[in-house]
Amino acid sequence: MDARRAQDLLKHITQDEDYGLKAMQKASLAECISMVNNVLPECQKKAYEDGNDNDAGFFSKMTENYRALIIDKIKEENLLWIAYTDLTGYPYMIDGDMIVIYDFAAAKQIEADLNKAGYRVTFGNVDKDAFKTEIAHMYRNGYKKICFMDGKMEPFVVEREELYPYGEFFKDDYITNPGLQAAMLNYFQEFRKQAPLENRGDILKRREQIMIDMMLNAEYMVPCVKEETEEEVEISHHFIDITDRVTEKEEGEHVIAIPVFTDGFEMDKCYEGHHENMLYKFDELVSLMDELGASGIIINCLGISYFMRTALMKKILK
C-alpha cells in the first residue's frame, strides 16, 4: 500500500464519525493488515514520543478494533495460499505455526527461499470453506498460529482460536493427539529436508526426543475386526506388508506393520467407514507386536507414514 492510500485511510480513522469503519470495510485485506501492522502502531509510537497519551490510547484502541475486522475479512476471503511441504504432506511448520499468503505475488519468492533451504514447499490456494477445514486440521495436528504474509512486512499473526473454536469442529470425546502430530511433523520436516545433515545434529536430536516423549504418552487408535460368538469376542487386526518400502531388512524378510493412528480422521484415510477400533497406549502396542509377531507399527500410514520396528519400540520404552 502506498503512502497516499495509507494517509487516506488514516484520515478516515481520525476524522470520520465511525472512526473509519466504512472505509476499512471497503479496503482490501492487504490494506487493512498494513494499517494494523504498520501505520497505526507507528502513529501510536509517535504520539507516545510526543507525550500525547490521549492520541496514543486512541491509536492503540483503533489497532485493537481493526484487528477484529481483519479476522472477519480473513474468514470471508475466498483466495488464500497455504504453504505445504512434500516432506510431510502437511502445511509447512515454522515454530509450530502455519504460513498463509494473502498476496500471491509474494508466494513465489517465499516458495523459492524455502525450497532453496531444502523444504520442498508449494503453495496451494484455498477458498473460505477449504480454509476453515484447514483450521480444523490445525487443532488435530498441533499448529498453534497462522502467520499471514505478503513478503513485504512483518507477518500478521493470528491464533487459531481467534478464527474458529475447537468446539466448532470436534466434540470433547473426539480422540486427537495434537502434541504427537506436531512433534512428528516438526521432526520429519527437518529430518527429510534436502540438505546436508551437518550442523543439524543437535536440532534433530532435540526434536526426536520431544517426539519420543510424546509417543510414550499418547494413545493410539488401532483398527480391528471384532467377531462375537456366544462364548467370546474374537479380535483380529489389520496389517500392511511394507517389505518393498523398507530398505534396511534382512535377506528374505517380510516386513509386516500394524497400522496405528493418532485420530479418527487419519484412520478414515485408510479405513473410511470402518469404525471398529481399540485404544492402545505405547507399552500396550509393544505387547501387541509380540503377540502378533509383527515387524512393528506404522503411524498414520497415509499421513506422516512413520514405520517403527518392534525392537526400537522396546528400546525407547526402557
C-alpha atoms as a PDB file:
ATOM      1  CA  MET A   1       0.000   0.000   0.000  1.00  0.00           C
ATOM      2  CA  ASP A   2       1.451   3.352  -0.995  1.00  0.00           C
ATOM      3  CA  ALA A   3       1.730   6.340   1.340  1.00  0.00           C
ATOM      4  CA  ARG A   4      -1.162   8.223  -0.276  1.00  0.00           C
ATOM      5  CA  ARG A   5      -3.585   5.335   0.306  1.00  0.00           C
ATOM      6  CA  ALA A   6      -2.346   4.940   3.892  1.00  0.00           C
ATOM      7  CA  GLN A   7      -2.919   8.637   4.568  1.00  0.00           C
ATOM      8  CA  ASP A   8      -6.405   8.427   3.069  1.00  0.00           C
ATOM      9  CA  LEU A   9      -7.407   5.562   5.390  1.00  0.00           C
ATOM     10  CA  LEU A  10      -5.761   7.260   8.360  1.00  0.00           C
ATOM     11  CA  LYS A  11      -7.750  10.415   7.632  1.00  0.00           C
ATOM     12  CA  HIS A  12     -10.983   8.408   7.715  1.00  0.00           C
ATOM     13  CA  ILE A  13      -9.985   6.778  11.017  1.00  0.00           C
ATOM     14  CA  THR A  14      -9.143  10.064  12.721  1.00  0.00           C
ATOM     15  CA  GLN A  15     -11.878  12.272  11.244  1.00  0.00           C
ATOM     16  CA  ASP A  16     -14.962  10.204  10.352  1.00  0.00           C
ATOM     17  CA  GLU A  17     -17.768   9.775  12.866  1.00  0.00           C
ATOM     18  CA  ASP A  18     -17.497   5.990  12.549  1.00  0.00           C
ATOM     19  CA  TYR A  19     -13.687   6.158  13.052  1.00  0.00           C
ATOM     20  CA  GLY A  20     -13.086   4.919   9.523  1.00  0.00           C
ATOM     21  CA  LEU A  21     -15.209   1.780   9.822  1.00  0.00           C
ATOM     22  CA  LYS A  22     -16.875   2.081   6.407  1.00  0.00           C
ATOM     23  CA  ALA A  23     -13.575   2.924   4.739  1.00  0.00           C
ATOM     24  CA  MET A  24     -11.805  -0.040   6.337  1.00  0.00           C
ATOM     25  CA  GLN A  25     -14.666  -2.384   5.457  1.00  0.00           C
ATOM     26  CA  LYS A  26     -14.235  -1.399   1.806  1.00  0.00           C
ATOM     27  CA  ALA A  27     -10.433  -1.684   1.959  1.00  0.00           C
ATOM     28  CA  SER A  28      -8.686  -4.857   0.826  1.00  0.00           C
ATOM     29  CA  LEU A  29      -7.353  -7.418   3.284  1.00  0.00           C
ATOM     30  CA  ALA A  30      -3.790  -6.383   2.432  1.00  0.00           C
ATOM     31  CA  GLU A  31      -4.570  -2.711   3.086  1.00  0.00           C
ATOM     32  CA  CYS A  32      -6.209  -3.462   6.430  1.00  0.00           C
ATOM     33  CA  ILE A  33      -3.276  -5.588   7.561  1.00  0.00           C
ATOM     34  CA  SER A  34      -0.870  -2.826   6.559  1.00  0.00           C
ATOM     35  CA  MET A  35      -2.839  -0.327   8.641  1.00  0.00           C
ATOM     36  CA  VAL A  36      -2.911  -2.556  11.737  1.00  0.00           C
ATOM     37  CA  ASN A  37       0.629  -3.901  11.373  1.00  0.00           C
ATOM     38  CA  ASN A  38       2.412  -0.693  10.416  1.00  0.00           C
ATOM     39  CA  VAL A  39       0.524   2.576  10.144  1.00  0.00           C
ATOM     40  CA  LEU A  40      -1.467   2.629  13.396  1.00  0.00           C
ATOM     41  CA  PRO A  41       1.409   1.312  15.576  1.00  0.00           C
ATOM     42  CA  GLU A  42       3.693   3.986  14.101  1.00  0.00           C
ATOM     43  CA  CYS A  43       1.110   6.649  14.925  1.00  0.00           C
ATOM     44  CA  GLN A  44       0.850   5.287  18.462  1.00  0.00           C
ATOM     45  CA  LYS A  45       4.634   5.284  18.849  1.00  0.00           C
ATOM     46  CA  LYS A  46       4.935   8.875  17.635  1.00  0.00           C
ATOM     47  CA  ALA A  47       2.144  10.001  19.984  1.00  0.00           C
ATOM     48  CA  TYR A  48       3.996   8.480  22.940  1.00  0.00           C
ATOM     49  CA  GLU A  49       7.227  10.158  21.860  1.00  0.00           C
ATOM     50  CA  ASP A  50       5.386  13.494  21.685  1.00  0.00           C
ATOM     51  CA  GLY A  51       3.937  12.930  25.154  1.00  0.00           C
ATOM     52  CA  ASN A  52       0.385  12.763  23.832  1.00  0.00           C
ATOM     53  CA  ASP A  53      -1.121   9.909  25.844  1.00  0.00           C
ATOM     54  CA  ASN A  54      -4.661  10.542  24.583  1.00  0.00           C
ATOM     55  CA  ASP A  55      -3.686  10.100  20.936  1.00  0.00           C
ATOM     56  CA  ALA A  56      -1.536   7.101  21.822  1.00  0.00           C
ATOM     57  CA  GLY A  57      -4.510   5.497  23.562  1.00  0.00           C
ATOM     58  CA  PHE A  58      -6.740   6.256  20.580  1.00  0.00           C
ATOM     59  CA  PHE A  59      -4.414   4.585  18.083  1.00  0.00           C
ATOM     60  CA  SER A  60      -3.985   1.614  20.411  1.00  0.00           C
ATOM     61  CA  LYS A  61      -7.770   1.211  20.571  1.00  0.00           C
ATOM     62  CA  MET A  62      -8.097   1.507  16.790  1.00  0.00           C
ATOM     63  CA  THR A  63      -5.426  -1.167  16.317  1.00  0.00           C
ATOM     64  CA  GLU A  64      -7.370  -3.491  18.606  1.00  0.00           C
ATOM     65  CA  ASN A  65     -10.721  -2.745  16.955  1.00  0.00           C
ATOM     66  CA  TYR A  66      -9.480  -3.229  13.416  1.00  0.00           C
ATOM     67  CA  ARG A  67      -7.724  -6.465  14.294  1.00  0.00           C
ATOM     68  CA  ALA A  68     -11.211  -7.912  14.817  1.00  0.00           C
ATOM     69  CA  LEU A  69     -12.279  -6.555  11.424  1.00  0.00           C
ATOM     70  CA  ILE A  70      -9.285  -8.237   9.775  1.00  0.00           C
ATOM     71  CA  ILE A  71     -10.209 -11.567  11.383  1.00  0.00           C
ATOM     72  CA  ASP A  72     -13.684 -11.244   9.856  1.00  0.00           C
ATOM     73  CA  LYS A  73     -12.194 -10.395   6.458  1.00  0.00           C
ATOM     74  CA  ILE A  74      -9.894 -13.421   6.613  1.00  0.00           C
ATOM     75  CA  LYS A  75     -12.841 -15.723   7.318  1.00  0.00           C
ATOM     76  CA  GLU A  76     -14.639 -14.372   4.240  1.00  0.00           C
ATOM     77  CA  GLU A  77     -11.583 -14.316   1.962  1.00  0.00           C
ATOM     78  CA  ASN A  78     -12.068 -16.660  -0.999  1.00  0.00           C
ATOM     79  CA  LEU A  79      -8.478 -16.796  -2.187  1.00  0.00           C
ATOM     80  CA  LEU A  80      -5.614 -17.539   0.176  1.00  0.00           C
ATOM     81  CA  TRP A  81      -2.476 -19.621  -0.358  1.00  0.00           C
ATOM     82  CA  ILE A  82      -1.192 -22.141   2.180  1.00  0.00           C
ATOM     83  CA  ALA A  83       2.413 -23.345   2.230  1.00  0.00           C
ATOM     84  CA  TYR A  84       2.574 -27.159   2.044  1.00  0.00           C
ATOM     85  CA  THR A  85       5.715 -29.265   2.201  1.00  0.00           C
ATOM     86  CA  ASP A  86       6.142 -32.502   0.252  1.00  0.00           C
ATOM     87  CA  LEU A  87       8.412 -33.724   3.060  1.00  0.00           C
ATOM     88  CA  THR A  88       5.405 -34.495   5.266  1.00  0.00           C
ATOM     89  CA  GLY A  89       2.334 -33.890   3.103  1.00  0.00           C
ATOM     90  CA  TYR A  90       1.111 -31.289   5.604  1.00  0.00           C
ATOM     91  CA  PRO A  91       1.375 -27.493   5.836  1.00  0.00           C
ATOM     92  CA  TYR A  92       4.924 -26.260   6.321  1.00  0.00           C
ATOM     93  CA  MET A  93       5.521 -25.697  10.031  1.00  0.00           C
ATOM     94  CA  ILE A  94       7.593 -22.825  11.384  1.00  0.00           C
ATOM     95  CA  ASP A  95       7.945 -22.708  15.166  1.00  0.00           C
ATOM     96  CA  GLY A  96       4.667 -24.603  15.476  1.00  0.00           C
ATOM     97  CA  ASP A  97       2.822 -22.195  13.171  1.00  0.00           C
ATOM     98  CA  MET A  98       1.422 -22.286   9.637  1.00  0.00           C
ATOM     99  CA  ILE A  99       2.194 -19.881   6.775  1.00  0.00           C
ATOM    100  CA  VAL A 100      -0.606 -18.360   4.702  1.00  0.00           C
ATOM    101  CA  ILE A 101      -0.073 -15.885   1.865  1.00  0.00           C
ATOM    102  CA  TYR A 102      -2.700 -13.275   1.030  1.00  0.00           C
ATOM    103  CA  ASP A 103      -0.758 -11.674  -1.847  1.00  0.00           C
ATOM    104  CA  PHE A 104       0.257 -14.306  -4.411  1.00  0.00           C
ATOM    105  CA  ALA A 105       2.956 -12.095  -5.901  1.00  0.00           C
ATOM    106  CA  ALA A 106       4.939 -12.764  -2.721  1.00  0.00           C
ATOM    107  CA  ALA A 107       4.363 -16.524  -2.757  1.00  0.00           C
ATOM    108  CA  LYS A 108       6.886 -17.271  -5.489  1.00  0.00           C
ATOM    109  CA  GLN A 109       9.766 -15.605  -3.635  1.00  0.00           C
ATOM    110  CA  ILE A 110       8.863 -17.207  -0.293  1.00  0.00           C
ATOM    111  CA  GLU A 111       8.477 -20.564  -2.047  1.00  0.00           C
ATOM    112  CA  ALA A 112      11.880 -20.141  -3.705  1.00  0.00           C
ATOM    113  CA  ASP A 113      13.555 -19.255  -0.391  1.00  0.00           C
ATOM    114  CA  LEU A 114      12.086 -22.277   1.412  1.00  0.00           C
ATOM    115  CA  ASN A 115      12.932 -24.633  -1.445  1.00  0.00           C
ATOM    116  CA  LYS A 116      16.480 -23.302  -1.531  1.00  0.00           C
ATOM    117  CA  ALA A 117      16.691 -24.362   2.125  1.00  0.00           C
ATOM    118  CA  GLY A 118      15.502 -27.854   1.123  1.00  0.00           C
ATOM    119  CA  TYR A 119      11.911 -27.852   2.388  1.00  0.00           C
ATOM    120  CA  ARG A 120      10.156 -28.711  -0.931  1.00  0.00           C
ATOM    121  CA  VAL A 121       7.338 -26.230  -0.445  1.00  0.00           C
ATOM    122  CA  THR A 122       4.459 -25.463  -2.779  1.00  0.00           C
ATOM    123  CA  PHE A 123       1.570 -23.051  -2.244  1.00  0.00           C
ATOM    124  CA  GLY A 124      -1.965 -24.359  -2.615  1.00  0.00           C
ATOM    125  CA  ASN A 125      -4.875 -21.952  -2.978  1.00  0.00           C
ATOM    126  CA  VAL A 126      -7.964 -22.347  -0.793  1.00  0.00           C
ATOM    127  CA  ASP A 127     -11.377 -20.721  -0.659  1.00  0.00           C
ATOM    128  CA  LYS A 128     -13.035 -19.789   2.621  1.00  0.00           C
ATOM    129  CA  ASP A 129     -14.574 -23.246   3.147  1.00  0.00           C
ATOM    130  CA  ALA A 130     -11.318 -25.079   2.493  1.00  0.00           C
ATOM    131  CA  PHE A 131      -9.510 -22.624   4.751  1.00  0.00           C
ATOM    132  CA  LYS A 132     -11.953 -23.324   7.563  1.00  0.00           C
ATOM    133  CA  THR A 133     -11.256 -27.034   7.122  1.00  0.00           C
ATOM    134  CA  GLU A 134      -7.547 -26.314   7.473  1.00  0.00           C
ATOM    135  CA  ILE A 135      -8.247 -24.654  10.829  1.00  0.00           C
ATOM    136  CA  ALA A 136      -9.878 -27.902  11.962  1.00  0.00           C
ATOM    137  CA  HIS A 137      -6.739 -29.765  10.918  1.00  0.00           C
ATOM    138  CA  MET A 138      -4.650 -27.233  12.836  1.00  0.00           C
ATOM    139  CA  TYR A 139      -6.301 -28.435  16.040  1.00  0.00           C
ATOM    140  CA  ARG A 140      -5.677 -32.093  15.125  1.00  0.00           C
ATOM    141  CA  ASN A 141      -2.116 -31.566  14.053  1.00  0.00           C
ATOM    142  CA  GLY A 142      -0.992 -29.196  16.783  1.00  0.00           C
ATOM    143  CA  TYR A 143      -0.424 -25.991  14.802  1.00  0.00           C
ATOM    144  CA  LYS A 144      -0.900 -23.022  17.126  1.00  0.00           C
ATOM    145  CA  LYS A 145      -0.971 -19.874  14.994  1.00  0.00           C
ATOM    146  CA  ILE A 146      -1.125 -18.660  11.408  1.00  0.00           C
ATOM    147  CA  CYS A 147       1.410 -16.222  10.003  1.00  0.00           C
ATOM    148  CA  PHE A 148      -0.332 -14.223   7.270  1.00  0.00           C
ATOM    149  CA  MET A 149       2.376 -12.895   4.968  1.00  0.00           C
ATOM    150  CA  ASP A 150       2.838 -10.780   1.867  1.00  0.00           C
ATOM    151  CA  GLY A 151       6.624 -10.961   1.749  1.00  0.00           C
ATOM    152  CA  LYS A 152       6.998  -7.229   2.366  1.00  0.00           C
ATOM    153  CA  MET A 153       6.191  -6.566   6.018  1.00  0.00           C
ATOM    154  CA  GLU A 154       6.051  -8.424   9.306  1.00  0.00           C
ATOM    155  CA  PRO A 155       3.536 -11.300   9.379  1.00  0.00           C
ATOM    156  CA  PHE A 156       0.073 -10.711  10.762  1.00  0.00           C
ATOM    157  CA  VAL A 157      -0.068 -13.475  13.378  1.00  0.00           C
ATOM    158  CA  VAL A 158      -3.421 -14.961  14.377  1.00  0.00           C
ATOM    159  CA  GLU A 159      -4.216 -17.589  16.997  1.00  0.00           C
ATOM    160  CA  ARG A 160      -6.341 -20.428  15.612  1.00  0.00           C
ATOM    161  CA  GLU A 161      -8.888 -19.746  18.387  1.00  0.00           C
ATOM    162  CA  GLU A 162      -9.394 -16.216  17.045  1.00  0.00           C
ATOM    163  CA  LEU A 163     -10.754 -17.717  13.837  1.00  0.00           C
ATOM    164  CA  TYR A 164     -12.787 -20.740  14.950  1.00  0.00           C
ATOM    165  CA  PRO A 165     -13.065 -22.502  18.325  1.00  0.00           C
ATOM    166  CA  TYR A 166     -12.238 -26.186  18.807  1.00  0.00           C
ATOM    167  CA  GLY A 167     -15.894 -26.981  19.534  1.00  0.00           C
ATOM    168  CA  GLU A 168     -16.884 -25.886  16.039  1.00  0.00           C
ATOM    169  CA  PHE A 169     -15.169 -28.989  14.669  1.00  0.00           C
ATOM    170  CA  PHE A 170     -14.868 -31.648  17.369  1.00  0.00           C
ATOM    171  CA  LYS A 171     -16.770 -32.986  20.341  1.00  0.00           C
ATOM    172  CA  ASP A 172     -14.997 -33.306  23.674  1.00  0.00           C
ATOM    173  CA  ASP A 173     -14.751 -37.096  23.334  1.00  0.00           C
ATOM    174  CA  TYR A 174     -13.105 -36.985  19.884  1.00  0.00           C
ATOM    175  CA  ILE A 175      -9.683 -38.644  20.088  1.00  0.00           C
ATOM    176  CA  THR A 176      -6.822 -36.400  18.980  1.00  0.00           C
ATOM    177  CA  ASN A 177      -3.082 -36.343  19.587  1.00  0.00           C
ATOM    178  CA  PRO A 178      -2.061 -32.815  18.557  1.00  0.00           C
ATOM    179  CA  GLY A 179       1.130 -32.875  20.619  1.00  0.00           C
ATOM    180  CA  LEU A 180       2.366 -36.058  18.954  1.00  0.00           C
ATOM    181  CA  GLN A 181       1.292 -34.941  15.491  1.00  0.00           C
ATOM    182  CA  ALA A 182       3.097 -31.613  15.863  1.00  0.00           C
ATOM    183  CA  ALA A 183       6.224 -33.306  17.218  1.00  0.00           C
ATOM    184  CA  MET A 184       6.322 -35.776  14.313  1.00  0.00           C
ATOM    185  CA  LEU A 185       5.743 -33.070  11.715  1.00  0.00           C
ATOM    186  CA  ASN A 186       8.406 -30.867  13.278  1.00  0.00           C
ATOM    187  CA  TYR A 187      10.931 -33.704  13.388  1.00  0.00           C
ATOM    188  CA  PHE A 188      10.344 -35.238   9.956  1.00  0.00           C
ATOM    189  CA  GLN A 189      10.168 -31.879   8.204  1.00  0.00           C
ATOM    190  CA  GLU A 190      13.728 -31.278   9.381  1.00  0.00           C
ATOM    191  CA  PHE A 191      14.911 -34.893   9.056  1.00  0.00           C
ATOM    192  CA  ARG A 192      13.695 -35.253   5.459  1.00  0.00           C
ATOM    193  CA  LYS A 193      14.915 -31.809   4.430  1.00  0.00           C
ATOM    194  CA  GLN A 194      17.004 -31.958   1.280  1.00  0.00           C
ATOM    195  CA  ALA A 195      20.172 -30.558   2.768  1.00  0.00           C
ATOM    196  CA  PRO A 196      23.381 -31.939   4.312  1.00  0.00           C
ATOM    197  CA  LEU A 197      22.943 -33.340   7.819  1.00  0.00           C
ATOM    198  CA  GLU A 198      25.961 -31.405   9.055  1.00  0.00           C
ATOM    199  CA  ASN A 199      25.143 -28.742  11.595  1.00  0.00           C
ATOM    200  CA  ARG A 200      21.666 -30.190  12.083  1.00  0.00           C
ATOM    201  CA  GLY A 201      22.554 -32.956  14.515  1.00  0.00           C
ATOM    202  CA  ASP A 202      21.639 -31.101  17.700  1.00  0.00           C
ATOM    203  CA  ILE A 203      18.314 -29.784  16.455  1.00  0.00           C
ATOM    204  CA  LEU A 204      17.339 -33.215  15.116  1.00  0.00           C
ATOM    205  CA  LYS A 205      18.273 -34.857  18.401  1.00  0.00           C
ATOM    206  CA  ARG A 206      16.146 -32.383  20.379  1.00  0.00           C
ATOM    207  CA  ARG A 207      13.165 -32.770  18.086  1.00  0.00           C
ATOM    208  CA  GLU A 208      13.462 -36.547  18.086  1.00  0.00           C
ATOM    209  CA  GLN A 209      13.454 -36.648  21.887  1.00  0.00           C
ATOM    210  CA  ILE A 210      10.343 -34.468  22.009  1.00  0.00           C
ATOM    211  CA  MET A 211       8.695 -36.817  19.515  1.00  0.00           C
ATOM    212  CA  ILE A 212       9.629 -39.898  21.550  1.00  0.00           C
ATOM    213  CA  ASP A 213       8.320 -38.335  24.755  1.00  0.00           C
ATOM    214  CA  MET A 214       5.019 -37.616  23.018  1.00  0.00           C
ATOM    215  CA  MET A 215       4.848 -41.140  21.619  1.00  0.00           C
ATOM    216  CA  LEU A 216       5.314 -42.680  25.042  1.00  0.00           C
ATOM    217  CA  ASN A 217       2.431 -40.661  26.494  1.00  0.00           C
ATOM    218  CA  ALA A 218      -0.036 -40.941  23.610  1.00  0.00           C
ATOM    219  CA  GLU A 219      -2.990 -43.225  22.988  1.00  0.00           C
ATOM    220  CA  TYR A 220      -3.358 -44.748  19.532  1.00  0.00           C
ATOM    221  CA  MET A 221      -6.375 -45.871  17.555  1.00  0.00           C
ATOM    222  CA  VAL A 222      -5.827 -49.357  16.134  1.00  0.00           C
ATOM    223  CA  PRO A 223      -8.400 -50.602  13.603  1.00  0.00           C
ATOM    224  CA  CYS A 224      -9.623 -54.123  14.183  1.00  0.00           C
ATOM    225  CA  VAL A 225     -12.312 -56.633  13.322  1.00  0.00           C
ATOM    226  CA  LYS A 226     -14.433 -57.972  16.167  1.00  0.00           C
ATOM    227  CA  GLU A 227     -16.349 -61.224  15.759  1.00  0.00           C
ATOM    228  CA  GLU A 228     -18.685 -62.158  18.572  1.00  0.00           C
ATOM    229  CA  THR A 229     -19.777 -65.682  19.364  1.00  0.00           C
ATOM    230  CA  GLU A 230     -21.873 -66.914  22.242  1.00  0.00           C
ATOM    231  CA  GLU A 231     -18.721 -67.715  24.159  1.00  0.00           C
ATOM    232  CA  GLU A 232     -16.218 -64.963  23.310  1.00  0.00           C
ATOM    233  CA  VAL A 233     -15.251 -61.978  21.229  1.00  0.00           C
ATOM    234  CA  GLU A 234     -12.501 -62.630  18.701  1.00  0.00           C
ATOM    235  CA  ILE A 235     -10.400 -59.656  17.673  1.00  0.00           C
ATOM    236  CA  SER A 236      -8.205 -59.583  14.585  1.00  0.00           C
ATOM    237  CA  HIS A 237      -6.022 -56.713  13.419  1.00  0.00           C
ATOM    238  CA  HIS A 238      -5.253 -55.256  10.036  1.00  0.00           C
ATOM    239  CA  PHE A 239      -1.698 -55.402   8.747  1.00  0.00           C
ATOM    240  CA  ILE A 240       0.262 -53.851   5.897  1.00  0.00           C
ATOM    241  CA  ASP A 241       3.082 -55.560   4.003  1.00  0.00           C
ATOM    242  CA  ILE A 242       5.716 -52.839   3.590  1.00  0.00           C
ATOM    243  CA  THR A 243       8.572 -55.131   2.565  1.00  0.00           C
ATOM    244  CA  ASP A 244       9.172 -53.263  -0.694  1.00  0.00           C
ATOM    245  CA  ARG A 245       9.242 -49.897   1.077  1.00  0.00           C
ATOM    246  CA  VAL A 246      11.801 -50.800   3.746  1.00  0.00           C
ATOM    247  CA  THR A 247      15.430 -50.612   2.673  1.00  0.00           C
ATOM    248  CA  GLU A 248      17.044 -51.897   5.863  1.00  0.00           C
ATOM    249  CA  LYS A 249      15.929 -55.520   6.275  1.00  0.00           C
ATOM    250  CA  GLU A 250      17.355 -58.985   6.406  1.00  0.00           C
ATOM    251  CA  GLU A 251      17.532 -61.053   3.245  1.00  0.00           C
ATOM    252  CA  GLY A 252      14.177 -62.683   2.580  1.00  0.00           C
ATOM    253  CA  GLU A 253      12.470 -60.821   5.444  1.00  0.00           C
ATOM    254  CA  HIS A 254       8.801 -59.924   5.107  1.00  0.00           C
ATOM    255  CA  VAL A 255       8.186 -56.629   6.884  1.00  0.00           C
ATOM    256  CA  ILE A 256       4.670 -56.628   8.306  1.00  0.00           C
ATOM    257  CA  ALA A 257       3.414 -53.477  10.036  1.00  0.00           C
ATOM    258  CA  ILE A 258       0.315 -52.937  12.150  1.00  0.00           C
ATOM    259  CA  PRO A 259      -1.322 -49.598  11.244  1.00  0.00           C
ATOM    260  CA  VAL A 260      -1.996 -47.259  14.168  1.00  0.00           C
ATOM    261  CA  PHE A 261      -3.446 -43.767  14.066  1.00  0.00           C
ATOM    262  CA  THR A 262      -3.364 -40.579  16.086  1.00  0.00           C
ATOM    263  CA  ASP A 263      -7.039 -39.763  15.450  1.00  0.00           C
ATOM    264  CA  GLY A 264     -10.158 -40.820  13.595  1.00  0.00           C
ATOM    265  CA  PHE A 265      -9.503 -38.586  10.589  1.00  0.00           C
ATOM    266  CA  GLU A 266      -6.136 -40.226   9.963  1.00  0.00           C
ATOM    267  CA  MET A 267      -7.720 -43.669  10.361  1.00  0.00           C
ATOM    268  CA  ASP A 268     -10.530 -42.846   7.931  1.00  0.00           C
ATOM    269  CA  LYS A 269      -7.963 -42.083   5.235  1.00  0.00           C
ATOM    270  CA  CYS A 270      -7.285 -45.826   5.169  1.00  0.00           C
ATOM    271  CA  TYR A 271     -10.430 -47.358   6.618  1.00  0.00           C
ATOM    272  CA  GLU A 272     -13.237 -44.964   5.792  1.00  0.00           C
ATOM    273  CA  GLY A 273     -16.499 -46.160   7.249  1.00  0.00           C
ATOM    274  CA  HIS A 274     -14.665 -48.723   9.363  1.00  0.00           C
ATOM    275  CA  HIS A 275     -15.482 -47.787  12.940  1.00  0.00           C
ATOM    276  CA  GLU A 276     -14.170 -50.773  14.885  1.00  0.00           C
ATOM    277  CA  ASN A 277     -11.020 -49.806  16.715  1.00  0.00           C
ATOM    278  CA  MET A 278      -9.276 -50.175  20.025  1.00  0.00           C
ATOM    279  CA  LEU A 279      -7.226 -47.674  22.004  1.00  0.00           C
ATOM    280  CA  TYR A 280      -3.692 -48.681  22.934  1.00  0.00           C
ATOM    281  CA  LYS A 281      -1.023 -46.968  24.985  1.00  0.00           C
ATOM    282  CA  PHE A 282       2.540 -47.275  23.743  1.00  0.00           C
ATOM    283  CA  ASP A 283       3.552 -50.060  26.128  1.00  0.00           C
ATOM    284  CA  GLU A 284       0.405 -51.965  25.145  1.00  0.00           C
ATOM    285  CA  LEU A 285       1.396 -51.648  21.488  1.00  0.00           C
ATOM    286  CA  VAL A 286       4.752 -53.241  22.290  1.00  0.00           C
ATOM    287  CA  SER A 287       2.956 -56.198  23.867  1.00  0.00           C
ATOM    288  CA  LEU A 288       0.617 -56.388  20.861  1.00  0.00           C
ATOM    289  CA  MET A 289       3.585 -56.560  18.463  1.00  0.00           C
ATOM    290  CA  ASP A 290       4.986 -59.519  20.397  1.00  0.00           C
ATOM    291  CA  GLU A 291       1.582 -61.194  20.448  1.00  0.00           C
ATOM    292  CA  LEU A 292       1.069 -60.786  16.701  1.00  0.00           C
ATOM    293  CA  GLY A 293       4.679 -61.340  15.697  1.00  0.00           C
ATOM    294  CA  ALA A 294       4.600 -58.112  13.680  1.00  0.00           C
ATOM    295  CA  SER A 295       7.680 -56.248  12.495  1.00  0.00           C
ATOM    296  CA  GLY A 296       6.419 -53.019  14.054  1.00  0.00           C
ATOM    297  CA  ILE A 297       3.850 -50.251  13.785  1.00  0.00           C
ATOM    298  CA  ILE A 298       3.259 -47.720  11.052  1.00  0.00           C
ATOM    299  CA  ILE A 299       1.824 -44.446  12.343  1.00  0.00           C
ATOM    300  CA  ASN A 300      -0.674 -42.627  10.101  1.00  0.00           C
ATOM    301  CA  CYS A 301       0.227 -44.626   7.010  1.00  0.00           C
ATOM    302  CA  LEU A 302      -1.452 -42.162   4.626  1.00  0.00           C
ATOM    303  CA  GLY A 303      -0.164 -39.173   6.577  1.00  0.00           C
ATOM    304  CA  ILE A 304       3.284 -38.870   8.144  1.00  0.00           C
ATOM    305  CA  SER A 305       3.750 -42.611   7.449  1.00  0.00           C
ATOM    306  CA  TYR A 306       6.342 -43.467  10.082  1.00  0.00           C
ATOM    307  CA  PHE A 307       7.363 -47.118  10.471  1.00  0.00           C
ATOM    308  CA  MET A 308       8.858 -48.076  13.822  1.00  0.00           C
ATOM    309  CA  ARG A 309      10.261 -51.556  14.341  1.00  0.00           C
ATOM    310  CA  THR A 310       9.319 -53.529  17.426  1.00  0.00           C
ATOM    311  CA  ALA A 311      12.954 -53.576  18.564  1.00  0.00           C
ATOM    312  CA  LEU A 312      13.101 -49.769  18.549  1.00  0.00           C
ATOM    313  CA  MET A 313       9.765 -49.563  20.366  1.00  0.00           C
ATOM    314  CA  LYS A 314      11.173 -51.746  23.143  1.00  0.00           C
ATOM    315  CA  LYS A 315      14.358 -49.699  23.266  1.00  0.00           C
ATOM    316  CA  ILE A 316      12.642 -46.340  23.821  1.00  0.00           C
ATOM    317  CA  LEU A 317      10.202 -47.891  26.291  1.00  0.00           C
ATOM    318  CA  LYS A 318      13.028 -48.710  28.714  1.00  0.00           C
END
